C-alpha atoms as a PDB file:
ATOM      1  CA  LEU A   1       0.060   0.018  -0.034  1.00  0.00           C
ATOM      2  CA  THR A   2       2.894   2.361   0.822  1.00  0.00           C
ATOM      3  CA  ALA A   3       4.723   1.519  -2.324  1.00  0.00           C
ATOM      4  CA  LYS A   4       1.587   2.016  -4.476  1.00  0.00           C
ATOM      5  CA  TYR A   5       0.214   5.122  -2.673  1.00  0.00           C
ATOM      6  CA  PRO A   6       3.296   6.773  -1.083  1.00  0.00           C
ATOM      7  CA  TYR A   7       1.355   9.871  -0.090  1.00  0.00           C
ATOM      8  CA  VAL A   8      -0.717   7.727   2.409  1.00  0.00           C
ATOM      9  CA  SER A   9       2.455   7.063   4.425  1.00  0.00           C
ATOM     10  CA  GLY A  10       3.507  10.737   4.320  1.00  0.00           C
ATOM     11  CA  ARG A  11       0.090  11.822   5.401  1.00  0.00           C
ATOM     12  CA  ALA A  12       0.052   9.310   8.320  1.00  0.00           C
ATOM     13  CA  ARG A  13       3.502  10.569   9.419  1.00  0.00           C
ATOM     14  CA  ASP A  14       2.243  14.214   9.233  1.00  0.00           C
ATOM     15  CA  ASP A  15      -0.856  13.256  11.217  1.00  0.00           C
ATOM     16  CA  ALA A  16       1.078  11.472  13.861  1.00  0.00           C
ATOM     17  CA  SER A  17       3.525  14.412  14.155  1.00  0.00           C
ATOM     18  CA  GLN A  18       0.692  16.894  14.509  1.00  0.00           C
ATOM     19  CA  ARG A  19      -0.985  14.789  17.272  1.00  0.00           C
ATOM     20  CA  ARG A  20       2.338  14.436  19.089  1.00  0.00           C
ATOM     21  CA  TRP A  21       3.041  18.108  18.886  1.00  0.00           C
ATOM     22  CA  GLY A  22      -0.638  18.970  19.776  1.00  0.00           C
ATOM     23  CA  ARG A  23      -0.511  16.802  22.955  1.00  0.00           C
ATOM     24  CA  LEU A  24       2.729  18.556  24.020  1.00  0.00           C
ATOM     25  CA  PHE A  25       1.364  22.008  23.311  1.00  0.00           C
ATOM     26  CA  ALA A  26      -1.942  21.092  25.226  1.00  0.00           C
ATOM     27  CA  ALA A  27       0.013  19.758  28.189  1.00  0.00           C
ATOM     28  CA  ALA A  28       2.161  22.999  28.335  1.00  0.00           C
ATOM     29  CA  SER A  29      -0.924  25.105  27.871  1.00  0.00           C
ATOM     30  CA  MET A  30      -2.408  23.332  31.029  1.00  0.00           C
ATOM     31  CA  ILE A  31       0.623  23.305  33.179  1.00  0.00           C
ATOM     32  CA  THR A  32       1.473  26.982  32.655  1.00  0.00           C
ATOM     33  CA  PRO A  33      -1.680  28.561  34.113  1.00  0.00           C
ATOM     34  CA  LEU A  34      -1.852  25.923  36.780  1.00  0.00           C
ATOM     35  CA  LEU A  35       1.561  26.711  38.108  1.00  0.00           C
ATOM     36  CA  LEU A  36       0.888  30.410  37.694  1.00  0.00           C
ATOM     37  CA  GLY A  37      -2.196  30.130  39.865  1.00  0.00           C
ATOM     38  CA  VAL A  38      -0.278  28.041  42.446  1.00  0.00           C
ATOM     39  CA  ILE A  39       2.381  30.717  42.716  1.00  0.00           C
ATOM     40  CA  VAL A  40      -0.249  33.473  43.034  1.00  0.00           C
ATOM     41  CA  GLY A  41      -2.055  31.480  45.691  1.00  0.00           C
ATOM     42  CA  ALA A  42       1.033  30.581  47.667  1.00  0.00           C
ATOM     43  CA  ILE A  43       2.176  34.223  47.790  1.00  0.00           C
ATOM     44  CA  ALA A  44      -1.245  35.696  48.567  1.00  0.00           C
ATOM     45  CA  SER A  45      -1.721  33.195  51.477  1.00  0.00           C
ATOM     46  CA  GLY A  46       1.422  34.489  53.148  1.00  0.00           C
ATOM     47  CA  SER A  47       3.065  31.014  53.483  1.00  0.00           C
ATOM     48  CA  VAL A  48       5.806  31.887  50.957  1.00  0.00           C
ATOM     49  CA  GLY A  49       6.660  35.097  53.001  1.00  0.00           C
ATOM     50  CA  ALA A  50       6.609  33.135  56.258  1.00  0.00           C
ATOM     51  CA  ALA A  51       8.949  30.533  54.748  1.00  0.00           C
ATOM     52  CA  ALA A  52      11.232  33.106  53.505  1.00  0.00           C
ATOM     53  CA  ALA A  53      11.299  34.774  56.885  1.00  0.00           C
ATOM     54  CA  ARG A  54      12.149  31.500  58.617  1.00  0.00           C
ATOM     55  CA  LEU A  55      14.946  30.853  56.117  1.00  0.00           C
ATOM     56  CA  ALA A  56      16.262  34.291  56.658  1.00  0.00           C
ATOM     57  CA  HIS A  57      16.423  33.703  60.385  1.00  0.00           C
ATOM     58  CA  VAL A  58      18.264  30.380  59.860  1.00  0.00           C
ATOM     59  CA  GLU A  59      20.823  32.065  57.542  1.00  0.00           C
ATOM     60  CA  ARG A  60      21.402  34.754  60.250  1.00  0.00           C
ATOM     61  CA  GLY A  61      22.106  32.089  62.708  1.00  0.00           C
ATOM     62  CA  ALA A  62      18.840  32.620  64.629  1.00  0.00           C
ATOM     63  CA  ALA A  63      17.057  29.364  64.039  1.00  0.00           C
ATOM     64  CA  ALA A  64      13.872  28.807  65.935  1.00  0.00           C
ATOM     65  CA  ALA A  65      13.817  26.753  69.110  1.00  0.00           C
ATOM     66  CA  ARG A  66      12.001  23.984  67.350  1.00  0.00           C
ATOM     67  CA  GLY A  67      14.944  23.418  65.026  1.00  0.00           C
ATOM     68  CA  THR A  68      16.162  24.283  61.608  1.00  0.00           C
ATOM     69  CA  PRO A  69      13.354  23.966  58.995  1.00  0.00           C
ATOM     70  CA  ASP A  70      13.893  21.288  56.415  1.00  0.00           C
ATOM     71  CA  PHE A  71      13.660  21.512  52.627  1.00  0.00           C
ATOM     72  CA  THR A  72      10.093  20.183  52.416  1.00  0.00           C
ATOM     73  CA  SER A  73       8.685  22.849  54.915  1.00  0.00           C
ATOM     74  CA  ILE A  74      10.425  25.690  52.934  1.00  0.00           C
ATOM     75  CA  PHE A  75      10.162  24.805  49.422  1.00  0.00           C
ATOM     76  CA  VAL A  76       7.317  22.323  48.987  1.00  0.00           C
ATOM     77  CA  VAL A  77       4.701  22.738  51.672  1.00  0.00           C
ATOM     78  CA  PRO A  78       3.910  26.554  50.886  1.00  0.00           C
ATOM     79  CA  TRP A  79       3.162  25.634  47.264  1.00  0.00           C
ATOM     80  CA  LEU A  80       1.283  22.350  47.631  1.00  0.00           C
ATOM     81  CA  ALA A  81      -1.192  23.605  50.228  1.00  0.00           C
ATOM     82  CA  PRO A  82      -4.955  23.368  49.568  1.00  0.00           C
ATOM     83  CA  PHE A  83      -5.408  27.188  48.911  1.00  0.00           C
ATOM     84  CA  PRO A  84      -2.581  27.552  46.254  1.00  0.00           C
ATOM     85  CA  LEU A  85      -3.779  24.348  44.484  1.00  0.00           C
ATOM     86  CA  ALA A  86      -7.361  25.787  44.364  1.00  0.00           C
ATOM     87  CA  VAL A  87      -6.074  29.112  42.951  1.00  0.00           C
ATOM     88  CA  GLY A  88      -4.065  27.058  40.393  1.00  0.00           C
ATOM     89  CA  ALA A  89      -7.340  25.286  39.412  1.00  0.00           C
ATOM     90  CA  LEU A  90      -9.045  28.685  39.195  1.00  0.00           C
ATOM     91  CA  ALA A  91      -6.379  30.092  36.909  1.00  0.00           C
ATOM     92  CA  LEU A  92      -6.562  27.072  34.654  1.00  0.00           C
ATOM     93  CA  ALA A  93     -10.412  27.415  34.420  1.00  0.00           C
ATOM     94  CA  MET A  94      -9.968  31.149  33.805  1.00  0.00           C
ATOM     95  CA  PHE A  95      -7.585  30.724  30.906  1.00  0.00           C
ATOM     96  CA  ALA A  96      -9.706  27.963  29.314  1.00  0.00           C
ATOM     97  CA  PHE A  97     -12.874  30.094  29.613  1.00  0.00           C
ATOM     98  CA  LEU A  98     -11.159  33.103  27.945  1.00  0.00           C
ATOM     99  CA  ALA A  99      -9.575  31.025  25.196  1.00  0.00           C
ATOM    100  CA  ALA A 100     -12.889  29.295  24.294  1.00  0.00           C
ATOM    101  CA  VAL A 101     -14.878  32.574  24.276  1.00  0.00           C
ATOM    102  CA  TYR A 102     -12.344  34.335  22.077  1.00  0.00           C
ATOM    103  CA  LEU A 103     -11.980  31.440  19.699  1.00  0.00           C
ATOM    104  CA  ALA A 104     -15.830  31.205  19.411  1.00  0.00           C
ATOM    105  CA  LEU A 105     -15.786  34.707  18.076  1.00  0.00           C
ATOM    106  CA  ALA A 106     -12.793  34.127  15.769  1.00  0.00           C
ATOM    107  CA  ALA A 107     -13.998  30.879  14.218  1.00  0.00           C
ATOM    108  CA  ARG A 108     -15.679  31.140  10.842  1.00  0.00           C
ATOM    109  CA  ASP A 109     -17.296  27.725  10.671  1.00  0.00           C
ATOM    110  CA  GLU A 110     -20.598  27.509  12.508  1.00  0.00           C
ATOM    111  CA  ALA A 111     -19.953  23.894  13.729  1.00  0.00           C
ATOM    112  CA  LEU A 112     -16.593  25.103  15.130  1.00  0.00           C
ATOM    113  CA  LYS A 113     -18.255  28.188  16.811  1.00  0.00           C
ATOM    114  CA  ASP A 114     -20.725  25.858  18.455  1.00  0.00           C
ATOM    115  CA  ASP A 115     -17.909  23.541  19.677  1.00  0.00           C
ATOM    116  CA  PHE A 116     -16.099  26.409  21.290  1.00  0.00           C
ATOM    117  CA  ARG A 117     -19.440  27.732  22.639  1.00  0.00           C
ATOM    118  CA  ARG A 118     -19.931  24.435  24.522  1.00  0.00           C
ATOM    119  CA  ARG A 119     -16.328  24.464  25.718  1.00  0.00           C
ATOM    120  CA  ALA A 120     -16.835  27.966  26.978  1.00  0.00           C
ATOM    121  CA  LEU A 121     -20.025  27.121  28.816  1.00  0.00           C
ATOM    122  CA  TRP A 122     -18.386  24.185  30.539  1.00  0.00           C
ATOM    123  CA  SER A 123     -15.377  26.292  31.365  1.00  0.00           C
ATOM    124  CA  ALA A 124     -17.646  28.956  32.885  1.00  0.00           C
ATOM    125  CA  ALA A 125     -19.091  26.209  35.160  1.00  0.00           C
ATOM    126  CA  ALA A 126     -15.582  25.069  36.139  1.00  0.00           C
ATOM    127  CA  LEU A 127     -14.646  28.732  36.835  1.00  0.00           C
ATOM    128  CA  PHE A 128     -17.532  29.181  39.126  1.00  0.00           C
ATOM    129  CA  ALA A 129     -16.819  25.958  40.979  1.00  0.00           C
ATOM    130  CA  THR A 130     -13.122  26.715  41.441  1.00  0.00           C
ATOM    131  CA  ALA A 131     -13.865  30.394  42.529  1.00  0.00           C
ATOM    132  CA  LEU A 132     -16.280  29.039  45.147  1.00  0.00           C
ATOM    133  CA  LEU A 133     -13.662  26.480  46.337  1.00  0.00           C
ATOM    134  CA  GLY A 134     -11.041  29.271  46.695  1.00  0.00           C
ATOM    135  CA  LEU A 135     -13.531  31.549  48.528  1.00  0.00           C
ATOM    136  CA  THR A 136     -14.352  28.594  50.828  1.00  0.00           C
ATOM    137  CA  LEU A 137     -10.703  27.692  51.640  1.00  0.00           C
ATOM    138  CA  ALA A 138      -9.445  31.406  52.020  1.00  0.00           C
ATOM    139  CA  PRO A 139     -10.730  31.983  55.545  1.00  0.00           C
ATOM    140  CA  ILE A 140      -8.899  28.819  56.683  1.00  0.00           C
ATOM    141  CA  HIS A 141      -5.622  28.783  54.732  1.00  0.00           C
ATOM    142  CA  ALA A 142      -5.393  32.554  53.869  1.00  0.00           C
ATOM    143  CA  PRO A 143      -7.169  34.572  56.466  1.00  0.00           C
ATOM    144  CA  ALA A 144      -6.173  37.983  55.142  1.00  0.00           C
ATOM    145  CA  ILE A 145      -7.481  37.041  51.712  1.00  0.00           C
ATOM    146  CA  GLY A 146     -10.679  35.619  53.140  1.00  0.00           C
ATOM    147  CA  HIS A 147     -11.288  38.740  55.201  1.00  0.00           C
ATOM    148  CA  GLY A 148     -10.620  40.972  52.211  1.00  0.00           C
ATOM    149  CA  LEU A 149     -13.017  39.008  50.012  1.00  0.00           C
ATOM    150  CA  THR A 150     -15.909  38.957  52.615  1.00  0.00           C
ATOM    151  CA  GLY A 151     -15.307  41.390  55.347  1.00  0.00           C
ATOM    152  CA  THR A 152     -14.550  44.721  53.578  1.00  0.00           C
ATOM    153  CA  GLY A 153     -17.002  47.469  52.403  1.00  0.00           C
ATOM    154  CA  TRP A 154     -16.032  47.050  48.746  1.00  0.00           C
ATOM    155  CA  ALA A 155     -16.202  43.258  48.646  1.00  0.00           C
ATOM    156  CA  LEU A 156     -19.908  42.914  47.954  1.00  0.00           C
ATOM    157  CA  PRO A 157     -20.200  45.476  45.243  1.00  0.00           C
ATOM    158  CA  PHE A 158     -17.122  44.060  43.559  1.00  0.00           C
ATOM    159  CA  GLN A 159     -18.399  40.532  43.738  1.00  0.00           C
ATOM    160  CA  VAL A 160     -21.828  41.706  42.400  1.00  0.00           C
ATOM    161  CA  ALA A 161     -20.068  43.275  39.448  1.00  0.00           C
ATOM    162  CA  THR A 162     -18.007  40.220  38.822  1.00  0.00           C
ATOM    163  CA  GLY A 163     -21.162  38.028  38.984  1.00  0.00           C
ATOM    164  CA  ALA A 164     -23.083  40.311  36.677  1.00  0.00           C
ATOM    165  CA  ALA A 165     -20.206  40.156  34.115  1.00  0.00           C
ATOM    166  CA  ALA A 166     -20.131  36.298  34.411  1.00  0.00           C
ATOM    167  CA  LEU A 167     -23.941  36.058  33.942  1.00  0.00           C
ATOM    168  CA  THR A 168     -23.745  38.393  31.013  1.00  0.00           C
ATOM    169  CA  ALA A 169     -20.936  36.302  29.428  1.00  0.00           C
ATOM    170  CA  ILE A 170     -22.946  33.065  29.854  1.00  0.00           C
ATOM    171  CA  GLY A 171     -26.158  34.659  28.574  1.00  0.00           C
ATOM    172  CA  ALA A 172     -24.390  36.069  25.543  1.00  0.00           C
ATOM    173  CA  LEU A 173     -22.836  32.601  24.805  1.00  0.00           C
ATOM    174  CA  TRP A 174     -26.164  30.957  25.216  1.00  0.00           C
ATOM    175  CA  THR A 175     -27.815  33.313  22.743  1.00  0.00           C
ATOM    176  CA  ARG A 176     -24.705  33.302  20.442  1.00  0.00           C
ATOM    177  CA  ARG A 177     -23.890  37.013  20.811  1.00  0.00           C
ATOM    178  CA  TRP A 178     -20.238  36.407  20.385  1.00  0.00           C
ATOM    179  CA  THR A 179     -18.942  40.038  20.702  1.00  0.00           C
ATOM    180  CA  LEU A 180     -20.765  40.750  23.873  1.00  0.00           C
ATOM    181  CA  ALA A 181     -19.705  37.447  25.251  1.00  0.00           C
ATOM    182  CA  ARG A 182     -16.022  38.448  24.534  1.00  0.00           C
ATOM    183  CA  LEU A 183     -16.470  41.708  26.317  1.00  0.00           C
ATOM    184  CA  ALA A 184     -18.213  40.309  29.384  1.00  0.00           C
ATOM    185  CA  ALA A 185     -15.723  37.521  29.728  1.00  0.00           C
ATOM    186  CA  ALA A 186     -12.792  40.026  29.601  1.00  0.00           C
ATOM    187  CA  ALA A 187     -14.609  42.155  32.197  1.00  0.00           C
ATOM    188  CA  GLN A 188     -15.174  39.229  34.407  1.00  0.00           C
ATOM    189  CA  VAL A 189     -11.604  38.084  34.449  1.00  0.00           C
ATOM    190  CA  SER A 190     -10.333  41.671  34.855  1.00  0.00           C
ATOM    191  CA  LEU A 191     -12.514  42.257  37.832  1.00  0.00           C
ATOM    192  CA  MET A 192     -11.316  38.979  39.510  1.00  0.00           C
ATOM    193  CA  LEU A 193      -7.633  39.954  38.838  1.00  0.00           C
ATOM    194  CA  TRP A 194      -8.411  43.563  40.306  1.00  0.00           C
ATOM    195  CA  GLY A 195     -10.105  41.990  43.320  1.00  0.00           C
ATOM    196  CA  TRP A 196      -6.969  39.884  44.099  1.00  0.00           C
ATOM    197  CA  ALA A 197      -4.873  43.116  43.758  1.00  0.00           C
ATOM    198  CA  PHE A 198      -7.087  45.118  46.174  1.00  0.00           C
ATOM    199  CA  VAL A 199      -7.261  42.282  48.580  1.00  0.00           C
ATOM    200  CA  GLN A 200      -3.456  41.878  48.788  1.00  0.00           C
ATOM    201  CA  TYR A 201      -2.699  45.613  48.846  1.00  0.00           C
ATOM    202  CA  PRO A 202      -0.295  46.960  50.114  1.00  0.00           C
ATOM    203  CA  TRP A 203       1.642  43.729  50.276  1.00  0.00           C
ATOM    204  CA  VAL A 204       3.693  42.209  47.430  1.00  0.00           C
ATOM    205  CA  ILE A 205       4.804  39.181  49.524  1.00  0.00           C
ATOM    206  CA  PRO A 206       2.803  39.077  52.708  1.00  0.00           C
ATOM    207  CA  PRO A 207       3.710  39.421  55.502  1.00  0.00           C
ATOM    208  CA  ALA A 208       7.240  40.435  54.598  1.00  0.00           C
ATOM    209  CA  HIS A 209       7.326  42.976  51.868  1.00  0.00           C
ATOM    210  CA  THR A 210       5.001  45.849  50.998  1.00  0.00           C
ATOM    211  CA  LEU A 211       4.936  47.819  47.733  1.00  0.00           C
ATOM    212  CA  ARG A 212       6.815  50.735  49.408  1.00  0.00           C
ATOM    213  CA  ASP A 213       9.411  48.462  50.887  1.00  0.00           C
ATOM    214  CA  SER A 214       9.959  46.699  47.508  1.00  0.00           C
ATOM    215  CA  ALA A 215       9.929  49.847  45.442  1.00  0.00           C
ATOM    216  CA  ALA A 216      13.007  50.913  43.473  1.00  0.00           C
ATOM    217  CA  PRO A 217      14.378  54.393  44.063  1.00  0.00           C
ATOM    218  CA  ARG A 218      12.349  57.275  42.605  1.00  0.00           C
ATOM    219  CA  ILE A 219      14.669  58.101  39.766  1.00  0.00           C
ATOM    220  CA  THR A 220      14.740  54.463  38.659  1.00  0.00           C
ATOM    221  CA  LEU A 221      10.934  54.391  38.486  1.00  0.00           C
ATOM    222  CA  GLN A 222      10.885  57.618  36.581  1.00  0.00           C
ATOM    223  CA  LEU A 223      13.311  56.321  34.008  1.00  0.00           C
ATOM    224  CA  LEU A 224      11.409  53.092  33.751  1.00  0.00           C
ATOM    225  CA  LEU A 225       8.175  54.998  32.980  1.00  0.00           C
ATOM    226  CA  TRP A 226       9.870  57.069  30.311  1.00  0.00           C
ATOM    227  CA  ALA A 227      11.293  53.977  28.844  1.00  0.00           C
ATOM    228  CA  LEU A 228       7.878  52.248  28.713  1.00  0.00           C
ATOM    229  CA  ALA A 229       6.249  55.222  27.262  1.00  0.00           C
ATOM    230  CA  LEU A 230       8.904  55.432  24.494  1.00  0.00           C
ATOM    231  CA  GLY A 231       8.686  51.738  23.816  1.00  0.00           C
ATOM    232  CA  GLY A 232       4.923  51.888  23.615  1.00  0.00           C
ATOM    233  CA  THR A 233       5.052  54.478  20.902  1.00  0.00           C
ATOM    234  CA  ILE A 234       6.943  51.885  18.842  1.00  0.00           C
ATOM    235  CA  LEU A 235       5.278  48.682  19.959  1.00  0.00           C
ATOM    236  CA  VAL A 236       1.594  49.576  20.023  1.00  0.00           C
ATOM    237  CA  PRO A 237       1.443  50.831  16.363  1.00  0.00           C
ATOM    238  CA  SER A 238       3.598  47.767  15.324  1.00  0.00           C
ATOM    239  CA  LEU A 239       1.183  45.324  17.044  1.00  0.00           C
ATOM    240  CA  PHE A 240      -1.797  47.208  15.527  1.00  0.00           C
ATOM    241  CA  TYR A 241      -0.333  46.905  12.044  1.00  0.00           C
ATOM    242  CA  LEU A 242       0.471  43.170  12.672  1.00  0.00           C
ATOM    243  CA  PHE A 243      -3.047  42.342  13.793  1.00  0.00           C
ATOM    244  CA  ARG A 244      -4.623  44.375  10.936  1.00  0.00           C
ATOM    245  CA  THR A 245      -2.394  42.597   8.400  1.00  0.00           C
ATOM    246  CA  PHE A 246      -3.285  39.170   9.659  1.00  0.00           C
ATOM    247  CA  ALA A 247      -6.976  40.050   9.834  1.00  0.00           C
ATOM    248  CA  ARG A 248      -6.906  41.320   6.166  1.00  0.00           C
ATOM    249  CA  SER A 249      -5.179  38.090   5.062  1.00  0.00           C
ATOM    250  CA  ASN A 250      -7.775  35.901   6.815  1.00  0.00           C
ATOM    251  CA  GLN A 251     -10.684  37.935   5.235  1.00  0.00           C
ATOM    252  CA  GLU A 252      -9.058  37.533   1.791  1.00  0.00           C
ATOM    253  CA  GLU A 253      -8.811  33.776   2.271  1.00  0.00           C
END
C-alpha cells in the first residue's frame, strides 16, 4: 500500500507528528496557568513570605527553638497547600474560559463556533466551581485574603459586578452573541484580577514585603516609566499593524 500510494504514508506521518506536538502543546498550555495560579495562591496566602522569613532567620544564625526547617517545609509545603492548588485550578479554568470565548468569536465555521461555545460554557461552570472553592478555603488557609473577600466594604459590590459580568457572558454565549460574550468575559476576568490586587494591597509578598518596601528608588521608577512610554510608541502601532495585516489576510482567504 505504501509503495503504491506513497502519499498515504507521508500523510500518516504528518498526522502522527501533528498529534504528538498537539499533545505537547496542550500539556504545556495546562501546566502553565496551573503553576501560575499556584504561585499566586502561595504568595497571597502568606506562606511563602513566612517560609522566606524563617529561612532568613536560619541564615542569620537565629534558628527557631524547634530546630532548623527542612527543605520540604520551606520549598514544598507552601506551594502544595490546599489554597494555592485551588487558585491554580481557578487560573486554569479562567484561561480555558477566555480562550474558548475568544475562539468562538474568531471561528468562521458554525460547527466550530458551537464547539467552542460548548467548551466556553463548561469552562464557565468550572470557573464558578473553582472560585467558590477558593472562597471557601481562603478563611482557613489565607485569613487575610478571606477577610478581604468577605469582610470589607467594597467586597460585596465588587463580587456583584463580577457576578453580573459572568452572567452576561454566559447569557451571551447561550444566545450566540459573540462580541458581547467576549467583552463580558474580559470584564469578568479583569474584575477577578483587580479584586485579588485590592485584597493583597499593600503587600507584594505578605507578611514580609510591602509595595513601598520593595519599590525601586524614585529616579529608577521615573526612568522606567519614560522607557515604557517610549517603547509603547513603537510597540503599539507595530502590534496594531500586525493584527490588521493578519486580519486582512484571513478575510481575503
